[in-house]
Amino acid sequence: MGNEKQRKENFFKKAFREMGENAKEQHKVDKANFKAVKAESKANFEENRGKNTFKRAKENAKEYWNYAKLSNKEKRELKQKELEKELEDANVRILKAESRIEKAKQERK
């Protein structure tokens, strides 16, 4: 009876320790992602500095206005096309990853 209690305590200690370690790892990843997004935003800003002219703002406004004038059906169709493209891109990435997995498995043999 005491042995089972000991195992349960060890199980929970181990589980909480692993959760803490995982949280620390995730925190590191989150910090790195935040820094990456921040750096990318700054890079975008620097690349576009001086290029945001009135002409470009007008073009962007016209593009938005044209989108706003679309009917709901047209907006849904446009959104569906975007989703299909994203799905296609994701499937391509999956295929590439699967081929890398197979390649890695073959190299191990």
PDB file of N, CA and C in Angstrom:
ATOM      1  N   MET A   1       0.820  -1.187   0.000  1.00  0.00           N
ATOM      2  CA  MET A   1       0.000   0.000   0.000  1.00  0.00           C
ATOM      3  C   MET A   1       0.870   1.260   0.000  1.00  0.00           C
ATOM      4  N   GLY A   2       1.884   1.259   0.845  1.00  0.00           N
ATOM      5  CA  GLY A   2       2.773   2.411   0.922  1.00  0.00           C
ATOM      6  C   GLY A   2       3.570   2.599  -0.362  1.00  0.00           C
ATOM      7  N   ASN A   3       3.902   1.489  -1.005  1.00  0.00           N
ATOM      8  CA  ASN A   3       4.670   1.532  -2.248  1.00  0.00           C
ATOM      9  C   ASN A   3       3.854   2.204  -3.357  1.00  0.00           C
ATOM     10  N   GLU A   4       2.548   1.900  -3.391  1.00  0.00           N
ATOM     11  CA  GLU A   4       1.676   2.504  -4.411  1.00  0.00           C
ATOM     12  C   GLU A   4       1.556   4.002  -4.183  1.00  0.00           C
ATOM     13  N   LYS A   5       1.448   4.400  -2.922  1.00  0.00           N
ATOM     14  CA  LYS A   5       1.367   5.815  -2.585  1.00  0.00           C
ATOM     15  C   LYS A   5       2.656   6.518  -3.007  1.00  0.00           C
ATOM     16  N   GLN A   6       3.772   5.872  -2.776  1.00  0.00           N
ATOM     17  CA  GLN A   6       5.078   6.414  -3.157  1.00  0.00           C
ATOM     18  C   GLN A   6       5.149   6.612  -4.677  1.00  0.00           C
ATOM     19  N   ARG A   7       4.647   5.627  -5.437  1.00  0.00           N
ATOM     20  CA  ARG A   7       4.666   5.718  -6.900  1.00  0.00           C
ATOM     21  C   ARG A   7       3.792   6.866  -7.390  1.00  0.00           C
ATOM     22  N   LYS A   8       2.626   7.054  -6.751  1.00  0.00           N
ATOM     23  CA  LYS A   8       1.743   8.155  -7.141  1.00  0.00           C
ATOM     24  C   LYS A   8       2.421   9.486  -6.883  1.00  0.00           C
ATOM     25  N   GLU A   9       3.070   9.626  -5.720  1.00  0.00           N
ATOM     26  CA  GLU A   9       3.770  10.862  -5.402  1.00  0.00           C
ATOM     27  C   GLU A   9       4.892  11.104  -6.404  1.00  0.00           C
ATOM     28  N   ASN A  10       5.636  10.057  -6.738  1.00  0.00           N
ATOM     29  CA  ASN A  10       6.708  10.197  -7.716  1.00  0.00           C
ATOM     30  C   ASN A  10       6.156  10.578  -9.083  1.00  0.00           C
ATOM     31  N   PHE A  11       5.017   9.982  -9.431  1.00  0.00           N
ATOM     32  CA  PHE A  11       4.384  10.292 -10.711  1.00  0.00           C
ATOM     33  C   PHE A  11       4.037  11.778 -10.788  1.00  0.00           C
ATOM     34  N   PHE A  12       3.401  12.305  -9.724  1.00  0.00           N
ATOM     35  CA  PHE A  12       3.006  13.705  -9.737  1.00  0.00           C
ATOM     36  C   PHE A  12       4.215  14.635  -9.700  1.00  0.00           C
ATOM     37  N   LYS A  13       5.230  14.272  -8.923  1.00  0.00           N
ATOM     38  CA  LYS A  13       6.447  15.088  -8.890  1.00  0.00           C
ATOM     39  C   LYS A  13       7.061  15.156 -10.278  1.00  0.00           C
ATOM     40  N   LYS A  14       7.144  14.004 -10.915  1.00  0.00           N
ATOM     41  CA  LYS A  14       7.727  13.936 -12.257  1.00  0.00           C
ATOM     42  C   LYS A  14       6.880  14.731 -13.250  1.00  0.00           C
ATOM     43  N   ALA A  15       5.561  14.584 -13.170  1.00  0.00           N
ATOM     44  CA  ALA A  15       4.657  15.279 -14.089  1.00  0.00           C
ATOM     45  C   ALA A  15       4.787  16.789 -13.934  1.00  0.00           C
ATOM     46  N   PHE A  16       4.797  17.274 -12.684  1.00  0.00           N
ATOM     47  CA  PHE A  16       4.909  18.713 -12.465  1.00  0.00           C
ATOM     48  C   PHE A  16       6.283  19.236 -12.870  1.00  0.00           C
ATOM     49  N   ARG A  17       7.329  18.451 -12.637  1.00  0.00           N
ATOM     50  CA  ARG A  17       8.664  18.862 -13.049  1.00  0.00           C
ATOM     51  C   ARG A  17       8.723  18.983 -14.582  1.00  0.00           C
ATOM     52  N   GLU A  18       8.158  17.993 -15.274  1.00  0.00           N
ATOM     53  CA  GLU A  18       8.146  18.026 -16.734  1.00  0.00           C
ATOM     54  C   GLU A  18       7.319  19.199 -17.259  1.00  0.00           C
ATOM     55  N   MET A  19       6.195  19.480 -16.601  1.00  0.00           N
ATOM     56  CA  MET A  19       5.382  20.626 -17.023  1.00  0.00           C
ATOM     57  C   MET A  19       6.158  21.917 -16.849  1.00  0.00           C
ATOM     58  N   GLY A  20       6.895  22.035 -15.753  1.00  0.00           N
ATOM     59  CA  GLY A  20       7.706  23.222 -15.534  1.00  0.00           C
ATOM     60  C   GLY A  20       8.794  23.366 -16.588  1.00  0.00           C
ATOM     61  N   GLU A  21       9.445  22.255 -16.903  1.00  0.00           N
ATOM     62  CA  GLU A  21      10.483  22.287 -17.931  1.00  0.00           C
ATOM     63  C   GLU A  21       9.891  22.660 -19.282  1.00  0.00           C
ATOM     64  N   ASN A  22       8.739  22.082 -19.605  1.00  0.00           N
ATOM     65  CA  ASN A  22       8.081  22.400 -20.871  1.00  0.00           C
ATOM     66  C   ASN A  22       7.679  23.869 -20.932  1.00  0.00           C
ATOM     67  N   ALA A  23       7.205  24.393 -19.812  1.00  0.00           N
ATOM     68  CA  ALA A  23       6.821  25.808 -19.776  1.00  0.00           C
ATOM     69  C   ALA A  23       8.032  26.697 -20.012  1.00  0.00           C
ATOM     70  N   LYS A  24       9.170  26.330 -19.433  1.00  0.00           N
ATOM     71  CA  LYS A  24      10.392  27.113 -19.648  1.00  0.00           C
ATOM     72  C   LYS A  24      10.813  27.067 -21.112  1.00  0.00           C
ATOM     73  N   GLU A  25      10.746  25.886 -21.706  1.00  0.00           N
ATOM     74  CA  GLU A  25      11.105  25.739 -23.119  1.00  0.00           C
ATOM     75  C   GLU A  25      10.167  26.577 -23.992  1.00  0.00           C
ATOM     76  N   GLN A  26       8.873  26.499 -23.706  1.00  0.00           N
ATOM     77  CA  GLN A  26       7.896  27.248 -24.491  1.00  0.00           C
ATOM     78  C   GLN A  26       8.119  28.741 -24.330  1.00  0.00           C
ATOM     79  N   HIS A  27       8.481  29.170 -23.135  1.00  0.00           N
ATOM     80  CA  HIS A  27       8.757  30.581 -22.896  1.00  0.00           C
ATOM     81  C   HIS A  27       9.929  31.046 -23.752  1.00  0.00           C
ATOM     82  N   LYS A  28      10.974  30.220 -23.841  1.00  0.00           N
ATOM     83  CA  LYS A  28      12.119  30.565 -24.685  1.00  0.00           C
ATOM     84  C   LYS A  28      11.693  30.710 -26.136  1.00  0.00           C
ATOM     85  N   VAL A  29      10.868  29.774 -26.600  1.00  0.00           N
ATOM     86  CA  VAL A  29      10.389  29.819 -27.985  1.00  0.00           C
ATOM     87  C   VAL A  29       9.541  31.065 -28.215  1.00  0.00           C
ATOM     88  N   ASP A  30       8.654  31.363 -27.271  1.00  0.00           N
ATOM     89  CA  ASP A  30       7.797  32.541 -27.398  1.00  0.00           C
ATOM     90  C   ASP A  30       8.628  33.821 -27.445  1.00  0.00           C
ATOM     91  N   LYS A  31       9.651  33.903 -26.582  1.00  0.00           N
ATOM     92  CA  LYS A  31      10.514  35.081 -26.588  1.00  0.00           C
ATOM     93  C   LYS A  31      11.229  35.222 -27.921  1.00  0.00           C
ATOM     94  N   ALA A  32      11.729  34.108 -28.447  1.00  0.00           N
ATOM     95  CA  ALA A  32      12.433  34.145 -29.726  1.00  0.00           C
ATOM     96  C   ALA A  32      11.492  34.555 -30.851  1.00  0.00           C
ATOM     97  N   ASN A  33      10.276  34.021 -30.844  1.00  0.00           N
ATOM     98  CA  ASN A  33       9.299  34.402 -31.863  1.00  0.00           C
ATOM     99  C   ASN A  33       8.944  35.881 -31.762  1.00  0.00           C
ATOM    100  N   PHE A  34       8.795  36.371 -30.543  1.00  0.00           N
ATOM    101  CA  PHE A  34       8.489  37.784 -30.355  1.00  0.00           C
ATOM    102  C   PHE A  34       9.612  38.656 -30.899  1.00  0.00           C
ATOM    103  N   LYS A  35      10.859  38.281 -30.578  1.00  0.00           N
ATOM    104  CA  LYS A  35      11.999  39.044 -31.085  1.00  0.00           C
ATOM    105  C   LYS A  35      12.058  39.002 -32.605  1.00  0.00           C
ATOM    106  N   ALA A  36      11.728  37.836 -33.189  1.00  0.00           N
ATOM    107  CA  ALA A  36      11.756  37.697 -34.646  1.00  0.00           C
ATOM    108  C   ALA A  36      10.707  38.599 -35.289  1.00  0.00           C
ATOM    109  N   VAL A  37       9.503  38.607 -34.737  1.00  0.00           N
ATOM    110  CA  VAL A  37       8.436  39.447 -35.288  1.00  0.00           C
ATOM    111  C   VAL A  37       8.801  40.912 -35.140  1.00  0.00           C
ATOM    112  N   LYS A  38       9.373  41.261 -34.007  1.00  0.00           N
ATOM    113  CA  LYS A  38       9.777  42.642 -33.769  1.00  0.00           C
ATOM    114  C   LYS A  38      10.847  43.068 -34.778  1.00  0.00           C
ATOM    115  N   ALA A  39      11.831  42.195 -35.007  1.00  0.00           N
ATOM    116  CA  ALA A  39      12.894  42.500 -35.961  1.00  0.00           C
ATOM    117  C   ALA A  39      12.343  42.599 -37.382  1.00  0.00           C
ATOM    118  N   GLU A  40      11.422  41.675 -37.730  1.00  0.00           N
ATOM    119  CA  GLU A  40      10.821  41.723 -39.066  1.00  0.00           C
ATOM    120  C   GLU A  40      10.015  42.998 -39.262  1.00  0.00           C
ATOM    121  N   SER A  41       9.296  43.410 -38.236  1.00  0.00           N
ATOM    122  CA  SER A  41       8.516  44.643 -38.331  1.00  0.00           C
ATOM    123  C   SER A  41       9.426  45.844 -38.538  1.00  0.00           C
ATOM    124  N   LYS A  42      10.520  45.863 -37.789  1.00  0.00           N
ATOM    125  CA  LYS A  42      11.468  46.963 -37.934  1.00  0.00           C
ATOM    126  C   LYS A  42      12.096  46.949 -39.324  1.00  0.00           C
ATOM    127  N   ALA A  43      12.415  45.750 -39.828  1.00  0.00           N
ATOM    128  CA  ALA A  43      12.989  45.639 -41.171  1.00  0.00           C
ATOM    129  C   ALA A  43      12.000  46.137 -42.221  1.00  0.00           C
ATOM    130  N   ASN A  44      10.738  45.757 -42.066  1.00  0.00           N
ATOM    131  CA  ASN A  44       9.711  46.235 -43.002  1.00  0.00           C
ATOM    132  C   ASN A  44       9.601  47.751 -42.957  1.00  0.00           C
ATOM    133  N   PHE A  45       9.636  48.293 -41.748  1.00  0.00           N
ATOM    134  CA  PHE A  45       9.560  49.739 -41.602  1.00  0.00           C
ATOM    135  C   PHE A  45      10.730  50.413 -42.299  1.00  0.00           C
ATOM    136  N   GLU A  46      11.942  49.895 -42.056  1.00  0.00           N
ATOM    137  CA  GLU A  46      13.128  50.500 -42.661  1.00  0.00           C
ATOM    138  C   GLU A  46      13.110  50.365 -44.183  1.00  0.00           C
ATOM    139  N   GLU A  47      12.640  49.224 -44.674  1.00  0.00           N
ATOM    140  CA  GLU A  47      12.573  49.035 -46.123  1.00  0.00           C
ATOM    141  C   GLU A  47      11.577  49.995 -46.771  1.00  0.00           C
ATOM    142  N   ASN A  48      10.502  50.295 -46.077  1.00  0.00           N
ATOM    143  CA  ASN A  48       9.456  51.141 -46.652  1.00  0.00           C
ATOM    144  C   ASN A  48       9.607  52.611 -46.286  1.00  0.00           C
ATOM    145  N   ARG A  49      10.602  52.940 -45.501  1.00  0.00           N
ATOM    146  CA  ARG A  49      10.788  54.320 -45.085  1.00  0.00           C
ATOM    147  C   ARG A  49      11.013  55.187 -46.328  1.00  0.00           C
ATOM    148  N   GLY A  50      10.224  56.208 -46.442  1.00  0.00           N
ATOM    149  CA  GLY A  50      10.344  57.128 -47.569  1.00  0.00           C
ATOM    150  C   GLY A  50       9.609  56.656 -48.811  1.00  0.00           C
ATOM    151  N   LYS A  51       9.087  55.449 -48.801  1.00  0.00           N
ATOM    152  CA  LYS A  51       8.385  54.928 -49.969  1.00  0.00           C
ATOM    153  C   LYS A  51       6.878  55.051 -49.838  1.00  0.00           C
ATOM    154  N   ASN A  52       6.398  55.344 -48.647  1.00  0.00           N
ATOM    155  CA  ASN A  52       4.961  55.478 -48.436  1.00  0.00           C
ATOM    156  C   ASN A  52       4.537  56.871 -48.861  1.00  0.00           C
ATOM    157  N   THR A  53       4.279  56.983 -50.131  1.00  0.00           N
ATOM    158  CA  THR A  53       3.917  58.275 -50.695  1.00  0.00           C
ATOM    159  C   THR A  53       2.406  58.419 -50.765  1.00  0.00           C
ATOM    160  N   PHE A  54       1.975  59.598 -51.109  1.00  0.00           N
ATOM    161  CA  PHE A  54       0.543  59.856 -51.266  1.00  0.00           C
ATOM    162  C   PHE A  54      -0.018  58.975 -52.375  1.00  0.00           C
ATOM    163  N   LYS A  55       0.759  58.814 -53.437  1.00  0.00           N
ATOM    164  CA  LYS A  55       0.328  57.983 -54.566  1.00  0.00           C
ATOM    165  C   LYS A  55       0.083  56.546 -54.111  1.00  0.00           C
ATOM    166  N   ARG A  56       0.999  56.008 -53.320  1.00  0.00           N
ATOM    167  CA  ARG A  56       0.862  54.630 -52.834  1.00  0.00           C
ATOM    168  C   ARG A  56      -0.330  54.507 -51.883  1.00  0.00           C
ATOM    169  N   ALA A  57      -0.515  55.495 -51.021  1.00  0.00           N
ATOM    170  CA  ALA A  57      -1.648  55.483 -50.095  1.00  0.00           C
ATOM    171  C   ALA A  57      -2.962  55.510 -50.873  1.00  0.00           C
ATOM    172  N   LYS A  58      -2.979  56.281 -51.956  1.00  0.00           N
ATOM    173  CA  LYS A  58      -4.165  56.375 -52.795  1.00  0.00           C
ATOM    174  C   LYS A  58      -4.473  55.032 -53.460  1.00  0.00           C
ATOM    175  N   GLU A  59      -3.419  54.359 -53.925  1.00  0.00           N
ATOM    176  CA  GLU A  59      -3.587  53.043 -54.545  1.00  0.00           C
ATOM    177  C   GLU A  59      -4.144  52.037 -53.535  1.00  0.00           C
ATOM    178  N   ASN A  60      -3.592  52.067 -52.321  1.00  0.00           N
ATOM    179  CA  ASN A  60      -4.080  51.161 -51.279  1.00  0.00           C
ATOM    180  C   ASN A  60      -5.543  51.443 -50.935  1.00  0.00           C
ATOM    181  N   ALA A  61      -5.896  52.713 -50.874  1.00  0.00           N
ATOM    182  CA  ALA A  61      -7.269  53.089 -50.558  1.00  0.00           C
ATOM    183  C   ALA A  61      -8.206  52.627 -51.671  1.00  0.00           C
ATOM    184  N   LYS A  62      -7.769  52.762 -52.930  1.00  0.00           N
ATOM    185  CA  LYS A  62      -8.592  52.323 -54.061  1.00  0.00           C
ATOM    186  C   LYS A  62      -8.798  50.812 -54.015  1.00  0.00           C
ATOM    187  N   GLU A  63      -7.729  50.073 -53.674  1.00  0.00           N
ATOM    188  CA  GLU A  63      -7.833  48.622 -53.560  1.00  0.00           C
ATOM    189  C   GLU A  63      -8.838  48.240 -52.473  1.00  0.00           C
ATOM    190  N   TYR A  64      -8.762  48.910 -51.330  1.00  0.00           N
ATOM    191  CA  TYR A  64      -9.693  48.634 -50.241  1.00  0.00           C
ATOM    192  C   TYR A  64     -11.118  49.005 -50.646  1.00  0.00           C
ATOM    193  N   TRP A  65     -11.263  50.126 -51.325  1.00  0.00           N
ATOM    194  CA  TRP A  65     -12.580  50.584 -51.746  1.00  0.00           C
ATOM    195  C   TRP A  65     -13.207  49.587 -52.715  1.00  0.00           C
ATOM    196  N   ASN A  66     -12.394  49.077 -53.640  1.00  0.00           N
ATOM    197  CA  ASN A  66     -12.894  48.083 -54.591  1.00  0.00           C
ATOM    198  C   ASN A  66     -13.347  46.817 -53.862  1.00  0.00           C
ATOM    199  N   TYR A  67     -12.610  46.417 -52.847  1.00  0.00           N
ATOM    200  CA  TYR A  67     -12.998  45.250 -52.059  1.00  0.00           C
ATOM    201  C   TYR A  67     -14.302  45.536 -51.307  1.00  0.00           C
ATOM    202  N   ALA A  68     -14.415  46.729 -50.752  1.00  0.00           N
ATOM    203  CA  ALA A  68     -15.602  47.083 -49.973  1.00  0.00           C
ATOM    204  C   ALA A  68     -16.851  47.100 -50.847  1.00  0.00           C
ATOM    205  N   LYS A  69     -16.705  47.408 -52.123  1.00  0.00           N
ATOM    206  CA  LYS A  69     -17.851  47.476 -53.023  1.00  0.00           C
ATOM    207  C   LYS A  69     -18.308  46.100 -53.505  1.00  0.00           C
ATOM    208  N   LEU A  70     -17.523  45.065 -53.263  1.00  0.00           N
ATOM    209  CA  LEU A  70     -17.907  43.722 -53.695  1.00  0.00           C
ATOM    210  C   LEU A  70     -19.147  43.256 -52.935  1.00  0.00           C
ATOM    211  N   SER A  71     -19.928  42.435 -53.591  1.00  0.00           N
ATOM    212  CA  SER A  71     -21.085  41.857 -52.908  1.00  0.00           C
ATOM    213  C   SER A  71     -20.594  40.795 -51.934  1.00  0.00           C
ATOM    214  N   ASN A  72     -21.473  40.375 -51.040  1.00  0.00           N
ATOM    215  CA  ASN A  72     -21.108  39.341 -50.077  1.00  0.00           C
ATOM    216  C   ASN A  72     -20.717  38.050 -50.781  1.00  0.00           C
ATOM    217  N   LYS A  73     -21.432  37.735 -51.861  1.00  0.00           N
ATOM    218  CA  LYS A  73     -21.137  36.520 -52.620  1.00  0.00           C
ATOM    219  C   LYS A  73     -19.724  36.602 -53.209  1.00  0.00           C
ATOM    220  N   GLU A  74     -19.376  37.745 -53.772  1.00  0.00           N
ATOM    221  CA  GLU A  74     -18.042  37.922 -54.358  1.00  0.00           C
ATOM    222  C   GLU A  74     -16.952  37.869 -53.292  1.00  0.00           C
ATOM    223  N   LYS A  75     -17.241  38.453 -52.127  1.00  0.00           N
ATOM    224  CA  LYS A  75     -16.274  38.410 -51.024  1.00  0.00           C
ATOM    225  C   LYS A  75     -16.057  36.972 -50.558  1.00  0.00           C
ATOM    226  N   ARG A  76     -17.161  36.198 -50.459  1.00  0.00           N
ATOM    227  CA  ARG A  76     -17.045  34.798 -50.068  1.00  0.00           C
ATOM    228  C   ARG A  76     -16.225  34.010 -51.087  1.00  0.00           C
ATOM    229  N   GLU A  77     -16.469  34.262 -52.382  1.00  0.00           N
ATOM    230  CA  GLU A  77     -15.714  33.576 -53.428  1.00  0.00           C
ATOM    231  C   GLU A  77     -14.233  33.930 -53.348  1.00  0.00           C
ATOM    232  N   LEU A  78     -13.946  35.210 -53.129  1.00  0.00           N
ATOM    233  CA  LEU A  78     -12.556  35.653 -53.004  1.00  0.00           C
ATOM    234  C   LEU A  78     -11.894  35.002 -51.796  1.00  0.00           C
ATOM    235  N   LYS A  79     -12.613  34.962 -50.680  1.00  0.00           N
ATOM    236  CA  LYS A  79     -12.096  34.333 -49.466  1.00  0.00           C
ATOM    237  C   LYS A  79     -11.880  32.840 -49.687  1.00  0.00           C
ATOM    238  N   GLN A  80     -12.814  32.202 -50.409  1.00  0.00           N
ATOM    239  CA  GLN A  80     -12.684  30.775 -50.694  1.00  0.00           C
ATOM    240  C   GLN A  80     -11.440  30.503 -51.537  1.00  0.00           C
ATOM    241  N   LYS A  81     -11.172  31.365 -52.516  1.00  0.00           N
ATOM    242  CA  LYS A  81      -9.969  31.216 -53.342  1.00  0.00           C
ATOM    243  C   LYS A  81      -8.709  31.348 -52.496  1.00  0.00           C
ATOM    244  N   GLU A  82      -8.711  32.310 -51.574  1.00  0.00           N
ATOM    245  CA  GLU A  82      -7.560  32.494 -50.684  1.00  0.00           C
ATOM    246  C   GLU A  82      -7.348  31.264 -49.803  1.00  0.00           C
ATOM    247  N   LEU A  83      -8.445  30.730 -49.263  1.00  0.00           N
ATOM    248  CA  LEU A  83      -8.355  29.549 -48.407  1.00  0.00           C
ATOM    249  C   LEU A  83      -7.858  28.339 -49.191  1.00  0.00           C
ATOM    250  N   GLU A  84      -8.330  28.192 -50.425  1.00  0.00           N
ATOM    251  CA  GLU A  84      -7.866  27.083 -51.261  1.00  0.00           C
ATOM    252  C   GLU A  84      -6.373  27.200 -51.545  1.00  0.00           C
ATOM    253  N   LYS A  85      -5.914  28.426 -51.803  1.00  0.00           N
ATOM    254  CA  LYS A  85      -4.489  28.635 -52.053  1.00  0.00           C
ATOM    255  C   LYS A  85      -3.673  28.306 -50.806  1.00  0.00           C
ATOM    256  N   GLU A  86      -4.145  28.746 -49.640  1.00  0.00           N
ATOM    257  CA  GLU A  86      -3.448  28.436 -48.392  1.00  0.00           C
ATOM    258  C   GLU A  86      -3.412  26.934 -48.139  1.00  0.00           C
ATOM    259  N   LEU A  87      -4.529  26.260 -48.432  1.00  0.00           N
ATOM    260  CA  LEU A  87      -4.592  24.812 -48.255  1.00  0.00           C
ATOM    261  C   LEU A  87      -3.611  24.117 -49.202  1.00  0.00           C
ATOM    262  N   GLU A  88      -3.561  24.586 -50.433  1.00  0.00           N
ATOM    263  CA  GLU A  88      -2.625  24.025 -51.409  1.00  0.00           C
ATOM    264  C   GLU A  88      -1.179  24.220 -50.954  1.00  0.00           C
ATOM    265  N   ASP A  89      -0.864  25.415 -50.464  1.00  0.00           N
ATOM    266  CA  ASP A  89       0.487  25.685 -49.960  1.00  0.00           C
ATOM    267  C   ASP A  89       0.815  24.776 -48.775  1.00  0.00           C
ATOM    268  N   ALA A  90      -0.155  24.595 -47.888  1.00  0.00           N
ATOM    269  CA  ALA A  90       0.064  23.731 -46.722  1.00  0.00           C
ATOM    270  C   ALA A  90       0.302  22.293 -47.155  1.00  0.00           C
ATOM    271  N   ASN A  91      -0.456  21.831 -48.142  1.00  0.00           N
ATOM    272  CA  ASN A  91      -0.266  20.473 -48.632  1.00  0.00           C
ATOM    273  C   ASN A  91       1.108  20.290 -49.264  1.00  0.00           C
ATOM    274  N   VAL A  92       1.584  21.306 -49.964  1.00  0.00           N
ATOM    275  CA  VAL A  92       2.927  21.247 -50.548  1.00  0.00           C
ATOM    276  C   VAL A  92       3.966  21.151 -49.431  1.00  0.00           C
ATOM    277  N   ARG A  93       3.784  21.954 -48.378  1.00  0.00           N
ATOM    278  CA  ARG A  93       4.714  21.910 -47.252  1.00  0.00           C
ATOM    279  C   ARG A  93       4.687  20.543 -46.578  1.00  0.00           C
ATOM    280  N   ILE A  94       3.499  19.957 -46.472  1.00  0.00           N
ATOM    281  CA  ILE A  94       3.373  18.626 -45.869  1.00  0.00           C
ATOM    282  C   ILE A  94       4.128  17.605 -46.703  1.00  0.00           C
ATOM    283  N   LEU A  95       3.957  17.655 -48.022  1.00  0.00           N
ATOM    284  CA  LEU A  95       4.652  16.713 -48.901  1.00  0.00           C
ATOM    285  C   LEU A  95       6.166  16.858 -48.792  1.00  0.00           C
ATOM    286  N   LYS A  96       6.633  18.102 -48.731  1.00  0.00           N
ATOM    287  CA  LYS A  96       8.074  18.334 -48.580  1.00  0.00           C
ATOM    288  C   LYS A  96       8.570  17.751 -47.260  1.00  0.00           C
ATOM    289  N   ALA A  97       7.812  17.974 -46.205  1.00  0.00           N
ATOM    290  CA  ALA A  97       8.206  17.473 -44.890  1.00  0.00           C
ATOM    291  C   ALA A  97       8.206  15.948 -44.874  1.00  0.00           C
ATOM    292  N   GLU A  98       7.202  15.343 -45.485  1.00  0.00           N
ATOM    293  CA  GLU A  98       7.143  13.883 -45.531  1.00  0.00           C
ATOM    294  C   GLU A  98       8.315  13.308 -46.321  1.00  0.00           C
ATOM    295  N   SER A  99       8.695  13.981 -47.406  1.00  0.00           N
ATOM    296  CA  SER A  99       9.840  13.491 -48.171  1.00  0.00           C
ATOM    297  C   SER A  99      11.131  13.630 -47.361  1.00  0.00           C
ATOM    298  N   ARG A 100      11.228  14.700 -46.568  1.00  0.00           N
ATOM    299  CA  ARG A 100      12.397  14.860 -45.704  1.00  0.00           C
ATOM    300  C   ARG A 100      12.438  13.758 -44.654  1.00  0.00           C
ATOM    301  N   ILE A 101      11.261  13.406 -44.122  1.00  0.00           N
ATOM    302  CA  ILE A 101      11.183  12.343 -43.123  1.00  0.00           C
ATOM    303  C   ILE A 101      11.657  11.032 -43.734  1.00  0.00           C
ATOM    304  N   GLU A 102      11.149  10.719 -44.927  1.00  0.00           N
ATOM    305  CA  GLU A 102      11.546   9.483 -45.595  1.00  0.00           C
ATOM    306  C   GLU A 102      13.044   9.475 -45.886  1.00  0.00           C
ATOM    307  N   LYS A 103      13.564  10.604 -46.316  1.00  0.00           N
ATOM    308  CA  LYS A 103      14.994  10.715 -46.607  1.00  0.00           C
ATOM    309  C   LYS A 103      15.809  10.463 -45.335  1.00  0.00           C
ATOM    310  N   ALA A 104      15.366  11.038 -44.232  1.00  0.00           N
ATOM    311  CA  ALA A 104      16.069  10.868 -42.964  1.00  0.00           C
ATOM    312  C   ALA A 104      16.021   9.407 -42.512  1.00  0.00           C
ATOM    313  N   LYS A 105      14.875   8.757 -42.715  1.00  0.00           N
ATOM    314  CA  LYS A 105      14.750   7.352 -42.349  1.00  0.00           C
ATOM    315  C   LYS A 105      15.684   6.484 -43.191  1.00  0.00           C
ATOM    316  N   GLN A 106      15.773   6.815 -44.484  1.00  0.00           N
ATOM    317  CA  GLN A 106      16.658   6.035 -45.369  1.00  0.00           C
ATOM    318  C   GLN A 106      18.122   6.241 -45.006  1.00  0.00           C
ATOM    319  N   GLU A 107      18.477   7.440 -44.602  1.00  0.00           N
ATOM    320  CA  GLU A 107      19.879   7.717 -44.227  1.00  0.00           C
ATOM    321  C   GLU A 107      20.263   6.974 -42.963  1.00  0.00           C
ATOM    322  N   ARG A 108      19.308   6.755 -42.058  1.00  0.00           N
ATOM    323  CA  ARG A 108      19.587   6.039 -40.819  1.00  0.00           C
ATOM    324  C   ARG A 108      19.829   4.568 -41.047  1.00  0.00           C
ATOM    325  N   LYS A 109      19.248   4.019 -42.100  1.00  0.00           N
ATOM    326  CA  LYS A 109      19.364   2.580 -42.342  1.00  0.00           C
ATOM    327  C   LYS A 109      20.691   2.214 -42.865  1.00  0.00           C
TER     328      LYS A 109
END
